[in-house]
């Protein structure tokens, strides 16, 4: 199993099958994160391989490392007796949400539809809170549904005998407060037949 090929394949798959189906808040570039006058934008999260680059190292078309999904390699093993290779991988989720902006508010109009605040009113509305974790876990839920319904990812097979694990980012068994940033993860195992000494095998055919 090529680890580089695995990471590249899983990153491309995660972008198409998870990230492209999600829209999340993007932090402002030139104003305070809790500024009521900031009209946030929504963006599709970007899938990064192995590491999330810092702001100054982002690709030209990416303006922020939030929101994002990072594909990481955890552990792997080659079972030579069974000619099988398995790798535990982890998807790490990063989002930004400082609270309730005016554009988040929806009001029923009495006929089953909803309306938003006026442009001027929503500019002046902001309620700082710690509810941004909901964005991270909605992101995770999307990933879980997608992973658990997949039979394979490229030429890698989802190992259904191994558990799909998930949880919040922790430090020393506690959940750190990185407000207004929120983090979570999902891990699972992929397998593939071991292919070694291919040229030597061809010589025997």
N, C-alpha and C. Protein backbone atom coordinates (compact mmCIF):
# COMPACT_ATOMS: atom_id res chain seq x y z
N UNK A 1 0.85 -1.19 0.00
CA UNK A 1 0.00 0.00 0.00
C UNK A 1 0.89 1.25 0.00
N UNK A 2 0.66 2.15 -0.94
CA UNK A 2 1.37 3.42 -0.96
C UNK A 2 0.63 4.41 -0.07
N UNK A 3 1.30 4.87 0.98
CA UNK A 3 0.66 5.82 1.90
C UNK A 3 0.31 7.12 1.18
N UNK A 4 1.22 7.58 0.32
CA UNK A 4 0.97 8.83 -0.41
C UNK A 4 -0.27 8.68 -1.30
N UNK A 5 -0.35 7.55 -2.00
CA UNK A 5 -1.53 7.31 -2.85
C UNK A 5 -2.80 7.25 -2.03
N UNK A 6 -2.72 6.60 -0.86
CA UNK A 6 -3.88 6.51 0.03
C UNK A 6 -4.35 7.90 0.45
N UNK A 7 -3.42 8.74 0.93
CA UNK A 7 -3.78 10.08 1.41
C UNK A 7 -4.37 10.92 0.28
N UNK A 8 -3.75 10.87 -0.90
CA UNK A 8 -4.25 11.64 -2.04
C UNK A 8 -5.64 11.17 -2.47
N UNK A 9 -5.83 9.86 -2.51
CA UNK A 9 -7.13 9.30 -2.89
C UNK A 9 -8.21 9.69 -1.90
N UNK A 10 -7.91 9.56 -0.61
CA UNK A 10 -8.90 9.87 0.43
C UNK A 10 -9.21 11.36 0.49
N UNK A 11 -8.20 12.20 0.25
CA UNK A 11 -8.42 13.65 0.26
C UNK A 11 -9.34 14.06 -0.88
N UNK A 12 -9.09 13.52 -2.07
CA UNK A 12 -9.95 13.83 -3.22
C UNK A 12 -11.37 13.33 -2.99
N UNK A 13 -11.49 12.13 -2.42
CA UNK A 13 -12.81 11.56 -2.13
C UNK A 13 -13.55 12.41 -1.09
N UNK A 14 -12.84 12.82 -0.03
CA UNK A 14 -13.47 13.62 1.03
C UNK A 14 -13.94 14.96 0.49
N UNK A 15 -13.17 15.56 -0.40
CA UNK A 15 -13.59 16.84 -0.98
C UNK A 15 -14.88 16.68 -1.76
N UNK A 16 -14.94 15.65 -2.61
CA UNK A 16 -16.11 15.46 -3.48
C UNK A 16 -17.33 14.95 -2.74
N UNK A 17 -17.13 14.07 -1.78
CA UNK A 17 -18.26 13.38 -1.16
C UNK A 17 -18.69 13.94 0.19
N UNK A 18 -17.83 14.75 0.82
CA UNK A 18 -18.18 15.33 2.12
C UNK A 18 -18.19 16.86 2.04
N UNK A 19 -17.02 17.44 1.75
CA UNK A 19 -16.89 18.90 1.81
C UNK A 19 -17.81 19.62 0.83
N UNK A 20 -17.92 19.11 -0.39
CA UNK A 20 -18.71 19.79 -1.42
C UNK A 20 -20.20 19.81 -1.11
N UNK A 21 -20.62 19.11 -0.06
CA UNK A 21 -22.03 19.07 0.32
C UNK A 21 -22.31 19.91 1.57
N UNK A 22 -21.32 20.71 1.97
CA UNK A 22 -21.42 21.49 3.21
C UNK A 22 -21.05 22.95 2.95
N UNK A 23 -21.74 23.86 3.63
CA UNK A 23 -21.39 25.29 3.63
C UNK A 23 -21.27 25.75 5.09
N UNK A 24 -20.16 26.40 5.41
CA UNK A 24 -19.92 26.85 6.78
C UNK A 24 -19.35 28.26 6.79
N UNK A 25 -19.38 28.91 7.95
CA UNK A 25 -18.93 30.28 8.08
C UNK A 25 -17.41 30.41 7.87
N UNK A 26 -17.02 31.51 7.23
CA UNK A 26 -15.61 31.83 7.02
C UNK A 26 -15.26 33.03 7.89
N UNK A 27 -14.16 32.97 8.65
CA UNK A 27 -13.80 34.12 9.50
C UNK A 27 -13.41 35.33 8.67
N UNK A 28 -13.65 36.54 9.18
CA UNK A 28 -13.31 37.76 8.45
C UNK A 28 -11.80 37.95 8.37
N UNK A 29 -11.36 38.66 7.34
CA UNK A 29 -9.93 38.91 7.17
C UNK A 29 -9.49 40.18 7.89
N UNK A 30 -10.35 41.21 7.92
CA UNK A 30 -9.90 42.52 8.41
C UNK A 30 -10.77 43.09 9.53
N UNK A 31 -11.55 42.26 10.21
CA UNK A 31 -12.37 42.77 11.30
C UNK A 31 -12.38 41.76 12.43
N UNK A 32 -12.86 42.19 13.58
CA UNK A 32 -12.90 41.30 14.73
C UNK A 32 -13.92 40.20 14.51
N UNK A 33 -13.62 39.03 15.03
CA UNK A 33 -14.49 37.88 14.83
C UNK A 33 -15.87 38.09 15.44
N UNK A 34 -15.98 38.93 16.45
CA UNK A 34 -17.26 39.15 17.11
C UNK A 34 -17.85 40.51 16.77
N UNK A 35 -17.47 41.06 15.65
CA UNK A 35 -17.96 42.36 15.22
C UNK A 35 -19.37 42.20 14.64
N UNK A 36 -20.33 42.91 15.24
CA UNK A 36 -21.72 42.79 14.77
C UNK A 36 -21.89 43.30 13.36
N UNK A 37 -21.01 44.19 12.92
CA UNK A 37 -21.13 44.73 11.57
C UNK A 37 -20.57 43.83 10.50
N UNK A 38 -19.98 42.71 10.89
CA UNK A 38 -19.39 41.81 9.91
C UNK A 38 -20.46 40.90 9.33
N UNK A 39 -20.66 40.99 8.03
CA UNK A 39 -21.58 40.08 7.35
C UNK A 39 -20.77 38.89 6.87
N UNK A 40 -20.88 37.80 7.61
CA UNK A 40 -20.06 36.64 7.29
C UNK A 40 -20.42 36.05 5.93
N UNK A 41 -19.48 35.31 5.39
CA UNK A 41 -19.73 34.58 4.15
C UNK A 41 -19.71 33.09 4.46
N UNK A 42 -20.35 32.33 3.60
CA UNK A 42 -20.34 30.87 3.71
C UNK A 42 -19.45 30.31 2.61
N UNK A 43 -18.76 29.22 2.92
CA UNK A 43 -17.87 28.61 1.94
C UNK A 43 -17.88 27.10 2.09
N UNK A 44 -17.54 26.43 1.01
CA UNK A 44 -17.35 24.99 1.03
C UNK A 44 -16.03 24.68 1.72
N UNK A 45 -16.01 23.80 2.71
CA UNK A 45 -14.75 23.45 3.36
C UNK A 45 -13.76 22.85 2.36
N UNK A 46 -12.48 23.03 2.64
CA UNK A 46 -11.42 22.49 1.79
C UNK A 46 -10.82 21.26 2.47
N UNK A 47 -10.57 20.21 1.70
CA UNK A 47 -9.91 19.01 2.22
C UNK A 47 -8.41 19.13 1.98
N UNK A 48 -7.63 19.02 3.06
CA UNK A 48 -6.17 19.10 2.99
C UNK A 48 -5.56 17.73 3.32
N UNK A 49 -4.45 17.35 2.66
CA UNK A 49 -3.77 16.10 3.00
C UNK A 49 -2.76 16.29 4.12
N UNK A 50 -2.88 15.53 5.18
CA UNK A 50 -1.92 15.42 6.29
C UNK A 50 -1.87 16.62 7.23
N UNK A 51 -1.75 17.84 6.68
CA UNK A 51 -1.62 19.03 7.53
C UNK A 51 -2.49 20.16 7.00
N UNK A 52 -3.00 20.99 7.91
CA UNK A 52 -3.70 22.20 7.51
C UNK A 52 -2.67 23.33 7.44
N UNK A 53 -2.46 23.91 6.27
CA UNK A 53 -1.44 24.96 6.15
C UNK A 53 -1.85 26.23 6.90
N UNK A 54 -0.85 26.97 7.36
CA UNK A 54 -1.10 28.25 8.00
C UNK A 54 -1.58 29.24 6.94
N UNK A 55 -2.12 30.37 7.38
CA UNK A 55 -2.74 31.33 6.46
C UNK A 55 -1.81 31.78 5.36
N UNK A 56 -0.52 31.98 5.69
CA UNK A 56 0.41 32.48 4.68
C UNK A 56 0.87 31.40 3.70
N UNK A 57 0.49 30.14 3.95
CA UNK A 57 0.90 29.05 3.06
C UNK A 57 -0.27 28.42 2.33
N UNK A 58 -1.43 29.06 2.37
CA UNK A 58 -2.61 28.53 1.70
C UNK A 58 -2.47 28.61 0.18
N UNK A 59 -3.11 27.71 -0.55
CA UNK A 59 -3.15 27.83 -2.01
C UNK A 59 -3.77 29.17 -2.41
N UNK A 60 -3.45 29.69 -3.60
CA UNK A 60 -3.90 31.04 -4.01
C UNK A 60 -5.41 31.25 -3.97
N UNK A 61 -6.18 30.20 -4.25
CA UNK A 61 -7.63 30.35 -4.31
C UNK A 61 -8.33 30.08 -2.98
N UNK A 62 -7.55 29.80 -1.93
CA UNK A 62 -8.12 29.54 -0.61
C UNK A 62 -7.76 30.69 0.32
N UNK A 63 -8.78 31.31 0.94
CA UNK A 63 -8.56 32.52 1.73
C UNK A 63 -8.44 32.26 3.23
N UNK A 64 -8.82 31.08 3.68
CA UNK A 64 -8.78 30.80 5.12
C UNK A 64 -8.66 29.30 5.34
N UNK A 65 -7.93 28.88 6.40
CA UNK A 65 -7.88 27.45 6.74
C UNK A 65 -9.16 26.95 7.44
N UNK A 66 -10.11 27.85 7.63
CA UNK A 66 -11.40 27.50 8.24
C UNK A 66 -12.54 27.90 7.29
N UNK A 67 -13.49 27.03 7.05
CA UNK A 67 -13.61 25.65 7.53
C UNK A 67 -12.76 24.70 6.68
N UNK A 68 -12.38 23.58 7.26
CA UNK A 68 -11.57 22.62 6.50
C UNK A 68 -11.71 21.23 7.08
N UNK A 69 -11.24 20.27 6.29
CA UNK A 69 -11.15 18.86 6.68
C UNK A 69 -9.73 18.42 6.36
N UNK A 70 -9.07 17.79 7.30
CA UNK A 70 -7.69 17.33 7.09
C UNK A 70 -7.65 15.81 7.16
N UNK A 71 -7.08 15.19 6.13
CA UNK A 71 -6.95 13.73 6.07
C UNK A 71 -5.60 13.34 6.66
N UNK A 72 -5.62 12.54 7.71
CA UNK A 72 -4.39 12.13 8.39
C UNK A 72 -4.22 10.62 8.39
N UNK A 73 -2.98 10.21 8.36
CA UNK A 73 -2.60 8.80 8.47
C UNK A 73 -2.24 8.53 9.93
N UNK A 74 -2.87 7.54 10.56
CA UNK A 74 -2.59 7.25 11.97
C UNK A 74 -1.64 6.07 12.11
N UNK A 75 -2.13 4.87 11.84
CA UNK A 75 -1.29 3.67 11.92
C UNK A 75 -1.62 2.73 10.77
N UNK A 76 -0.68 1.88 10.45
CA UNK A 76 -0.90 0.89 9.39
C UNK A 76 -0.19 -0.39 9.72
N UNK A 77 -0.61 -1.48 9.09
CA UNK A 77 0.09 -2.75 9.27
C UNK A 77 -0.09 -3.61 8.03
N UNK A 78 0.95 -4.35 7.71
CA UNK A 78 0.92 -5.30 6.61
C UNK A 78 0.90 -6.71 7.18
N UNK A 79 -0.17 -7.46 6.89
CA UNK A 79 -0.28 -8.85 7.32
C UNK A 79 0.22 -9.72 6.17
N UNK A 80 1.49 -10.13 6.25
CA UNK A 80 2.09 -10.86 5.14
C UNK A 80 1.47 -12.23 4.95
N UNK A 81 0.99 -12.85 6.05
CA UNK A 81 0.39 -14.18 5.93
C UNK A 81 -0.93 -14.14 5.19
N UNK A 82 -1.64 -13.03 5.33
CA UNK A 82 -2.94 -12.88 4.65
C UNK A 82 -2.84 -12.02 3.40
N UNK A 83 -1.62 -11.54 3.09
CA UNK A 83 -1.41 -10.66 1.93
C UNK A 83 -2.38 -9.48 1.94
N UNK A 84 -2.51 -8.90 3.13
CA UNK A 84 -3.48 -7.82 3.30
C UNK A 84 -2.83 -6.67 4.06
N UNK A 85 -3.12 -5.45 3.62
CA UNK A 85 -2.62 -4.25 4.28
C UNK A 85 -3.79 -3.44 4.82
N UNK A 86 -3.66 -2.91 6.04
CA UNK A 86 -4.73 -2.10 6.63
C UNK A 86 -4.15 -0.82 7.21
N UNK A 87 -4.91 0.25 7.12
CA UNK A 87 -4.48 1.55 7.61
C UNK A 87 -5.63 2.23 8.33
N UNK A 88 -5.35 2.74 9.53
CA UNK A 88 -6.34 3.56 10.23
C UNK A 88 -6.09 5.01 9.86
N UNK A 89 -7.11 5.66 9.34
CA UNK A 89 -7.01 7.06 8.92
C UNK A 89 -7.95 7.91 9.76
N UNK A 90 -7.67 9.20 9.77
CA UNK A 90 -8.48 10.12 10.58
C UNK A 90 -8.84 11.35 9.76
N UNK A 91 -10.09 11.75 9.82
CA UNK A 91 -10.56 13.00 9.23
C UNK A 91 -10.71 14.01 10.36
N UNK A 92 -10.01 15.13 10.26
CA UNK A 92 -10.06 16.17 11.30
C UNK A 92 -10.85 17.36 10.77
N UNK A 93 -11.81 17.84 11.55
CA UNK A 93 -12.73 18.88 11.13
C UNK A 93 -12.45 20.18 11.89
N UNK A 94 -12.35 21.29 11.17
CA UNK A 94 -12.07 22.59 11.77
C UNK A 94 -13.10 23.60 11.28
N UNK A 95 -13.77 24.28 12.21
CA UNK A 95 -14.76 25.28 11.82
C UNK A 95 -14.60 26.53 12.67
N UNK A 96 -15.18 27.62 12.19
CA UNK A 96 -15.19 28.91 12.89
C UNK A 96 -16.63 29.37 13.05
N UNK A 97 -17.02 29.70 14.27
CA UNK A 97 -18.36 30.25 14.51
C UNK A 97 -18.37 30.90 15.89
N UNK A 98 -18.36 32.24 15.95
CA UNK A 98 -18.32 32.94 17.24
C UNK A 98 -19.67 33.15 17.90
N UNK A 99 -20.77 32.89 17.16
CA UNK A 99 -22.08 33.12 17.75
C UNK A 99 -23.15 33.34 16.70
N UNK A 100 -24.21 33.99 17.12
CA UNK A 100 -25.38 34.18 16.28
C UNK A 100 -25.33 35.53 15.58
N UNK A 101 -25.14 35.51 14.26
CA UNK A 101 -25.17 36.72 13.46
C UNK A 101 -26.61 36.99 12.98
N UNK A 102 -26.85 38.22 12.58
CA UNK A 102 -28.18 38.59 12.12
C UNK A 102 -28.66 37.75 10.95
N UNK A 103 -27.72 37.34 10.11
CA UNK A 103 -28.10 36.54 8.93
C UNK A 103 -28.50 35.12 9.30
N UNK A 104 -28.24 34.71 10.55
CA UNK A 104 -28.61 33.37 11.00
C UNK A 104 -30.08 33.28 11.41
N UNK A 105 -30.71 34.43 11.65
CA UNK A 105 -32.06 34.45 12.21
C UNK A 105 -33.12 34.27 11.13
N UNK A 106 -34.04 33.36 11.39
CA UNK A 106 -35.18 33.13 10.50
C UNK A 106 -36.46 33.27 11.32
N UNK A 107 -37.44 33.97 10.77
CA UNK A 107 -38.70 34.20 11.47
C UNK A 107 -39.86 33.66 10.63
N UNK A 108 -40.78 32.91 11.24
CA UNK A 108 -41.93 32.39 10.48
C UNK A 108 -42.86 33.53 10.08
N UNK A 109 -43.40 33.45 8.85
CA UNK A 109 -44.32 34.50 8.39
C UNK A 109 -45.78 34.09 8.54
N UNK A 110 -46.02 32.93 9.15
CA UNK A 110 -47.39 32.49 9.40
C UNK A 110 -47.97 31.61 8.31
N UNK A 111 -47.29 31.51 7.17
CA UNK A 111 -47.81 30.70 6.07
C UNK A 111 -46.89 29.53 5.75
N UNK A 112 -46.03 29.18 6.70
CA UNK A 112 -45.13 28.05 6.50
C UNK A 112 -43.77 28.42 5.95
N UNK A 113 -43.58 29.68 5.56
CA UNK A 113 -42.30 30.16 5.06
C UNK A 113 -41.61 30.99 6.13
N UNK A 114 -40.39 31.44 5.83
CA UNK A 114 -39.61 32.22 6.80
C UNK A 114 -39.03 33.45 6.13
N UNK A 115 -38.75 34.47 6.94
CA UNK A 115 -38.09 35.66 6.42
C UNK A 115 -36.94 36.04 7.33
N UNK A 116 -35.99 36.83 6.79
CA UNK A 116 -34.82 37.28 7.54
C UNK A 116 -34.96 38.74 7.93
N UNK A 117 -34.08 39.18 8.81
CA UNK A 117 -34.02 40.58 9.17
C UNK A 117 -33.65 41.42 7.94
N UNK A 118 -34.00 42.70 7.99
CA UNK A 118 -33.60 43.60 6.92
C UNK A 118 -32.08 43.73 6.91
N UNK A 119 -31.55 44.21 5.80
CA UNK A 119 -30.10 44.35 5.66
C UNK A 119 -29.50 45.19 6.78
N UNK A 120 -30.14 46.32 7.09
CA UNK A 120 -29.62 47.20 8.13
C UNK A 120 -29.73 46.56 9.51
N UNK A 121 -30.85 45.90 9.78
CA UNK A 121 -31.08 45.31 11.10
C UNK A 121 -30.10 44.18 11.37
N UNK A 122 -29.85 43.35 10.37
CA UNK A 122 -28.96 42.21 10.61
C UNK A 122 -27.51 42.65 10.78
N UNK A 123 -27.13 43.80 10.21
CA UNK A 123 -25.77 44.31 10.40
C UNK A 123 -25.51 44.66 11.86
N UNK A 124 -26.56 45.08 12.55
CA UNK A 124 -26.42 45.52 13.94
C UNK A 124 -26.64 44.39 14.95
N UNK A 125 -26.92 43.18 14.45
CA UNK A 125 -27.24 42.10 15.38
C UNK A 125 -26.07 41.12 15.47
N UNK A 126 -25.65 40.84 16.68
CA UNK A 126 -24.69 39.77 16.94
C UNK A 126 -24.81 39.35 18.39
N UNK A 127 -24.91 38.06 18.61
CA UNK A 127 -24.98 37.51 19.96
C UNK A 127 -23.85 36.50 20.13
N UNK A 128 -22.85 36.86 20.88
CA UNK A 128 -21.73 35.96 21.13
C UNK A 128 -22.19 34.80 21.98
N UNK A 129 -21.85 33.58 21.58
CA UNK A 129 -22.20 32.41 22.38
C UNK A 129 -21.24 31.26 22.08
N UNK A 130 -21.41 30.18 22.78
CA UNK A 130 -20.54 29.01 22.62
C UNK A 130 -21.22 27.88 21.88
N UNK A 131 -22.13 28.22 20.97
CA UNK A 131 -22.89 27.20 20.25
C UNK A 131 -22.24 26.78 18.93
N UNK A 132 -21.06 27.33 18.63
CA UNK A 132 -20.43 26.99 17.36
C UNK A 132 -20.03 25.53 17.23
N UNK A 133 -19.95 24.82 18.35
CA UNK A 133 -19.64 23.39 18.30
C UNK A 133 -20.66 22.63 17.46
N UNK A 134 -21.87 23.18 17.35
CA UNK A 134 -22.90 22.51 16.55
C UNK A 134 -22.51 22.43 15.08
N UNK A 135 -21.82 23.45 14.59
CA UNK A 135 -21.35 23.43 13.20
C UNK A 135 -20.37 22.28 12.99
N UNK A 136 -19.45 22.12 13.94
CA UNK A 136 -18.46 21.04 13.82
C UNK A 136 -19.13 19.68 13.79
N UNK A 137 -20.13 19.50 14.64
CA UNK A 137 -20.74 18.17 14.71
C UNK A 137 -21.73 17.92 13.58
N UNK A 138 -22.32 18.96 13.02
CA UNK A 138 -23.10 18.77 11.80
C UNK A 138 -22.19 18.34 10.65
N UNK A 139 -20.98 18.91 10.61
CA UNK A 139 -19.96 18.53 9.64
C UNK A 139 -19.59 17.05 9.84
N UNK A 140 -19.36 16.66 11.08
CA UNK A 140 -19.02 15.28 11.41
C UNK A 140 -20.16 14.33 11.01
N UNK A 141 -21.39 14.71 11.31
CA UNK A 141 -22.54 13.85 10.97
C UNK A 141 -22.61 13.59 9.47
N UNK A 142 -22.33 14.63 8.68
CA UNK A 142 -22.30 14.46 7.23
C UNK A 142 -21.24 13.45 6.83
N UNK A 143 -20.06 13.57 7.45
CA UNK A 143 -18.96 12.64 7.15
C UNK A 143 -19.30 11.21 7.57
N UNK A 144 -19.90 11.05 8.74
CA UNK A 144 -20.24 9.72 9.22
C UNK A 144 -21.22 9.02 8.28
N UNK A 145 -22.25 9.74 7.87
CA UNK A 145 -23.22 9.14 6.94
C UNK A 145 -22.53 8.70 5.65
N UNK A 146 -21.60 9.52 5.17
CA UNK A 146 -20.93 9.22 3.91
C UNK A 146 -19.96 8.05 4.05
N UNK A 147 -19.14 8.07 5.09
CA UNK A 147 -18.17 7.01 5.30
C UNK A 147 -18.86 5.67 5.52
N UNK A 148 -19.86 5.66 6.38
CA UNK A 148 -20.50 4.40 6.76
C UNK A 148 -21.35 3.80 5.64
N UNK A 149 -21.67 4.60 4.62
CA UNK A 149 -22.43 4.07 3.49
C UNK A 149 -21.52 3.71 2.31
N UNK A 150 -20.22 3.93 2.45
CA UNK A 150 -19.28 3.65 1.37
C UNK A 150 -18.76 2.22 1.48
N UNK A 151 -18.76 1.50 0.36
CA UNK A 151 -18.17 0.16 0.34
C UNK A 151 -16.66 0.25 0.13
N UNK A 152 -16.26 1.20 -0.68
CA UNK A 152 -14.84 1.40 -0.95
C UNK A 152 -14.57 2.86 -1.26
N UNK A 153 -13.32 3.25 -1.12
CA UNK A 153 -12.86 4.60 -1.45
C UNK A 153 -11.72 4.43 -2.45
N UNK A 154 -11.99 4.68 -3.71
CA UNK A 154 -11.02 4.37 -4.75
C UNK A 154 -10.79 2.87 -4.77
N UNK A 155 -9.53 2.44 -4.70
CA UNK A 155 -9.24 1.01 -4.69
C UNK A 155 -8.99 0.49 -3.26
N UNK A 156 -9.44 1.25 -2.27
CA UNK A 156 -9.34 0.84 -0.87
C UNK A 156 -10.71 0.44 -0.36
N UNK A 157 -10.75 -0.59 0.48
CA UNK A 157 -12.01 -1.14 0.99
C UNK A 157 -12.20 -0.73 2.45
N UNK A 158 -13.40 -0.27 2.78
CA UNK A 158 -13.71 0.07 4.17
C UNK A 158 -13.81 -1.21 4.98
N UNK A 159 -13.00 -1.31 6.04
CA UNK A 159 -13.00 -2.48 6.91
C UNK A 159 -14.18 -2.38 7.87
N UNK A 160 -15.24 -3.13 7.60
CA UNK A 160 -16.44 -3.06 8.42
C UNK A 160 -16.32 -3.87 9.72
N UNK A 161 -15.23 -4.61 9.87
CA UNK A 161 -15.00 -5.31 11.14
C UNK A 161 -14.34 -4.40 12.17
N UNK A 162 -13.83 -3.27 11.73
CA UNK A 162 -13.21 -2.29 12.63
C UNK A 162 -14.19 -1.16 12.88
N UNK A 163 -14.25 -0.62 14.09
CA UNK A 163 -15.22 0.43 14.39
C UNK A 163 -14.87 1.75 13.70
N UNK A 164 -15.91 2.51 13.37
CA UNK A 164 -15.74 3.91 12.96
C UNK A 164 -15.81 4.73 14.24
N UNK A 165 -14.72 5.42 14.56
CA UNK A 165 -14.63 6.18 15.81
C UNK A 165 -14.79 7.67 15.54
N UNK A 166 -15.24 8.42 16.54
CA UNK A 166 -15.36 9.87 16.39
C UNK A 166 -15.33 10.53 17.76
N UNK A 167 -14.93 11.80 17.77
CA UNK A 167 -14.86 12.51 19.04
C UNK A 167 -14.40 13.94 18.86
N UNK A 168 -14.40 14.73 19.94
CA UNK A 168 -13.90 16.10 19.90
C UNK A 168 -12.38 16.10 20.07
N UNK A 169 -11.74 17.18 19.68
CA UNK A 169 -10.32 17.36 19.96
C UNK A 169 -10.13 17.48 21.47
N UNK A 170 -9.20 16.70 22.02
CA UNK A 170 -8.97 16.74 23.47
C UNK A 170 -7.49 16.96 23.77
N UNK A 171 -7.24 17.50 24.95
CA UNK A 171 -5.89 17.65 25.49
C UNK A 171 -5.92 17.19 26.93
N UNK A 172 -5.13 16.17 27.25
CA UNK A 172 -5.10 15.61 28.61
C UNK A 172 -6.51 15.25 29.08
N UNK A 173 -7.23 14.58 28.20
CA UNK A 173 -8.57 14.04 28.48
C UNK A 173 -9.63 15.11 28.75
N UNK A 174 -9.37 16.35 28.38
CA UNK A 174 -10.37 17.40 28.49
C UNK A 174 -10.52 18.09 27.14
N UNK A 175 -11.66 18.74 26.94
CA UNK A 175 -11.92 19.44 25.69
C UNK A 175 -11.46 20.89 25.85
N UNK A 176 -10.43 21.30 25.14
CA UNK A 176 -9.92 22.68 25.29
C UNK A 176 -10.87 23.70 24.67
N UNK A 177 -10.81 24.92 25.17
CA UNK A 177 -11.63 26.01 24.65
C UNK A 177 -10.80 26.85 23.68
N UNK A 178 -11.09 26.69 22.39
CA UNK A 178 -10.40 27.46 21.36
C UNK A 178 -11.36 28.47 20.71
N UNK A 179 -12.40 28.85 21.43
CA UNK A 179 -13.39 29.79 20.90
C UNK A 179 -12.70 30.92 20.13
N UNK A 180 -13.22 31.26 18.91
CA UNK A 180 -14.43 30.78 18.24
C UNK A 180 -14.16 29.66 17.22
N UNK A 181 -13.11 28.85 17.46
CA UNK A 181 -12.79 27.73 16.58
C UNK A 181 -13.20 26.43 17.26
N UNK A 182 -13.67 25.48 16.44
CA UNK A 182 -14.20 24.22 16.97
C UNK A 182 -13.63 23.06 16.15
N UNK A 183 -13.28 21.96 16.85
CA UNK A 183 -12.58 20.86 16.21
C UNK A 183 -13.17 19.51 16.62
N UNK A 184 -13.18 18.58 15.66
CA UNK A 184 -13.65 17.22 15.93
C UNK A 184 -12.96 16.27 14.94
N UNK A 185 -13.16 14.97 15.12
CA UNK A 185 -12.49 14.01 14.24
C UNK A 185 -13.33 12.74 14.07
N UNK A 186 -13.03 12.03 12.98
CA UNK A 186 -13.60 10.71 12.68
C UNK A 186 -12.45 9.83 12.23
N UNK A 187 -12.39 8.59 12.70
CA UNK A 187 -11.36 7.66 12.23
C UNK A 187 -12.00 6.35 11.81
N UNK A 188 -11.36 5.70 10.85
CA UNK A 188 -11.84 4.41 10.35
C UNK A 188 -10.68 3.69 9.68
N UNK A 189 -10.89 2.44 9.29
CA UNK A 189 -9.82 1.62 8.74
C UNK A 189 -10.12 1.23 7.30
N UNK A 190 -9.10 1.35 6.46
CA UNK A 190 -9.18 0.94 5.07
C UNK A 190 -8.21 -0.22 4.83
N UNK A 191 -8.58 -1.12 3.93
CA UNK A 191 -7.72 -2.26 3.62
C UNK A 191 -7.48 -2.35 2.11
N UNK A 192 -6.42 -3.09 1.76
CA UNK A 192 -6.07 -3.31 0.37
C UNK A 192 -5.16 -4.54 0.31
N UNK A 193 -5.29 -5.38 -0.72
CA UNK A 193 -4.35 -6.51 -0.87
C UNK A 193 -2.91 -6.01 -1.02
N UNK A 194 -1.98 -6.73 -0.43
CA UNK A 194 -0.57 -6.39 -0.57
C UNK A 194 -0.07 -6.84 -1.94
N UNK A 195 0.57 -5.92 -2.62
CA UNK A 195 1.18 -6.26 -3.91
C UNK A 195 2.67 -5.97 -3.80
N UNK A 196 3.47 -7.02 -3.73
CA UNK A 196 4.92 -6.89 -3.60
C UNK A 196 5.61 -7.70 -4.68
N UNK A 197 6.82 -7.28 -5.06
CA UNK A 197 7.63 -8.01 -6.03
C UNK A 197 6.86 -8.34 -7.30
N UNK A 198 6.15 -7.35 -7.79
CA UNK A 198 5.30 -7.56 -8.96
C UNK A 198 6.13 -8.01 -10.16
N UNK A 199 7.30 -7.41 -10.35
CA UNK A 199 8.13 -7.78 -11.49
C UNK A 199 8.60 -9.23 -11.37
N UNK A 200 8.98 -9.67 -10.15
CA UNK A 200 9.41 -11.05 -9.96
C UNK A 200 8.28 -12.03 -10.24
N UNK A 201 7.05 -11.63 -9.86
CA UNK A 201 5.91 -12.52 -10.13
C UNK A 201 5.67 -12.64 -11.63
N UNK A 202 5.82 -11.52 -12.34
CA UNK A 202 5.62 -11.56 -13.79
C UNK A 202 6.61 -12.51 -14.45
N UNK A 203 7.84 -12.58 -13.90
CA UNK A 203 8.85 -13.43 -14.50
C UNK A 203 8.54 -14.90 -14.33
N UNK A 204 7.68 -15.21 -13.33
CA UNK A 204 7.32 -16.61 -13.09
C UNK A 204 6.12 -17.05 -13.91
N UNK A 205 5.43 -16.10 -14.54
CA UNK A 205 4.22 -16.44 -15.32
C UNK A 205 4.58 -16.93 -16.71
